[in-house]
Protein backbone atom coordinates (compact mmCIF):
# COMPACT_ATOMS: atom_id res chain seq x y z
CA MET A 1 34.85 -9.33 -44.13
CA THR A 2 31.72 -7.23 -44.87
CA SER A 3 29.49 -9.80 -43.20
CA GLU A 4 31.41 -9.46 -39.94
CA VAL A 5 30.83 -5.71 -39.96
CA GLU A 6 27.12 -6.21 -40.67
CA ILE A 7 26.78 -8.65 -37.72
CA LYS A 8 28.39 -6.22 -35.34
CA ALA A 9 26.14 -3.37 -36.56
CA GLN A 10 22.98 -5.26 -35.66
CA PRO A 11 21.38 -4.30 -32.31
CA LYS A 12 21.26 -6.85 -29.53
CA ALA A 13 18.09 -8.85 -29.11
CA ARG A 14 16.02 -7.46 -26.30
CA ARG A 15 15.09 -9.94 -23.58
CA ALA A 16 11.36 -10.19 -23.22
CA LYS A 17 9.84 -10.95 -19.76
CA VAL A 18 6.40 -12.20 -18.88
CA GLY A 19 4.61 -10.99 -15.75
CA GLU A 20 1.29 -10.27 -14.13
CA VAL A 21 -0.15 -6.81 -13.88
CA THR A 22 -0.57 -6.02 -10.22
CA GLY A 23 -1.40 -2.41 -10.27
CA ILE A 24 -2.46 0.46 -12.49
CA SER A 25 -1.00 3.86 -11.54
CA GLY A 26 -1.69 6.86 -13.70
CA ASP A 27 -2.68 7.02 -17.33
CA LYS A 28 0.14 5.18 -19.04
CA THR A 29 1.82 3.18 -16.21
CA VAL A 30 1.17 -0.34 -14.95
CA THR A 31 3.02 -2.30 -12.25
CA VAL A 32 4.07 -5.77 -13.44
CA MET A 33 5.39 -8.49 -11.16
CA VAL A 34 8.04 -10.69 -12.94
CA GLU A 35 8.98 -14.00 -11.39
CA SER A 36 12.21 -15.86 -12.04
CA LEU A 37 14.05 -18.94 -10.89
CA VAL A 38 17.53 -18.43 -9.51
CA LYS A 39 19.94 -21.18 -8.53
CA HIS A 40 21.39 -20.89 -4.98
CA PRO A 41 25.27 -20.51 -5.40
CA GLN A 42 26.15 -22.87 -2.57
CA TYR A 43 23.27 -25.38 -2.21
CA GLY A 44 22.12 -25.63 -5.85
CA LYS A 45 18.44 -25.31 -4.93
CA TYR A 46 16.27 -23.22 -7.24
CA MET A 47 14.52 -20.32 -5.56
CA ARG A 48 11.68 -18.14 -6.82
CA ARG A 49 12.48 -14.46 -6.95
CA HIS A 50 10.10 -11.74 -7.94
CA LYS A 51 10.51 -8.10 -8.89
CA LYS A 52 7.91 -5.36 -9.32
CA LEU A 53 8.61 -3.22 -12.43
CA GLN A 54 6.97 -0.01 -13.58
CA VAL A 55 6.02 -0.44 -17.23
CA HIS A 56 5.03 2.14 -19.88
CA ASP A 57 1.68 1.24 -21.35
CA GLU A 58 1.12 3.69 -24.28
CA ASN A 59 -2.34 2.42 -25.29
CA GLY A 60 -3.70 1.60 -21.86
CA LEU A 61 -4.18 -2.08 -22.66
CA GLY A 62 -2.96 -3.45 -19.29
CA GLN A 63 -5.72 -4.61 -16.91
CA LEU A 64 -5.38 -5.83 -13.35
CA GLY A 65 -4.57 -9.60 -13.33
CA ALA A 66 -3.60 -9.89 -17.01
CA LEU A 67 -0.43 -11.65 -18.08
CA VAL A 68 1.71 -9.36 -20.24
CA GLU A 69 4.96 -9.46 -22.12
CA ILE A 70 7.40 -6.57 -21.51
CA VAL A 71 10.77 -5.61 -22.97
CA PRO A 72 13.44 -3.16 -21.70
CA CYS A 73 13.59 0.19 -23.54
CA ARG A 74 15.13 3.60 -23.08
CA ARG A 75 14.24 5.22 -19.73
CA VAL A 76 10.85 6.88 -19.99
CA SER A 77 10.92 8.37 -16.50
CA LYS A 78 12.74 7.89 -13.17
CA SER A 79 11.10 4.56 -12.52
CA LYS A 80 10.02 3.31 -15.98
CA ALA A 81 12.57 1.53 -18.20
CA HIS A 82 10.27 -1.17 -19.75
CA ARG A 83 7.38 -1.08 -22.17
CA LEU A 84 4.40 -3.29 -22.66
CA VAL A 85 4.54 -5.30 -25.91
CA ARG A 86 1.43 -7.48 -25.87
CA ILE A 87 -1.07 -9.18 -23.64
CA VAL A 88 -0.31 -12.91 -23.36
CA ARG A 89 -3.51 -13.80 -21.41
CA PRO A 90 -6.27 -11.32 -20.80
CA VAL A 91 -8.29 -11.17 -17.67
CA GLU A 92 -11.02 -13.90 -17.61
CA GLY A 93 -14.43 -12.64 -18.56
CA GLN A 94 -13.15 -9.83 -20.74
CA THR A 95 -12.12 -9.88 -24.38
CA ALA A 96 -8.87 -8.36 -25.66
């Protein structure tokens, strides 16, 4: 019985997303474009959808063109509800 209570007390796993940095605005904010595949409800064909998200970058690691991993977090500002976790692939020609 105690194991059931412990399982319910654990927080949900946060869903990480991977996207490309398309813009740097301000000191701790980067714009990341996340692409996903969505199945059409009627025809069954998969379509590419993209969304631009404002991401909180505390250490200023995000560079234009880098592939980054982001996770949802508590809202930092009106437009920022994600934070940068790590750089998956840095910009070519620069070390990370």
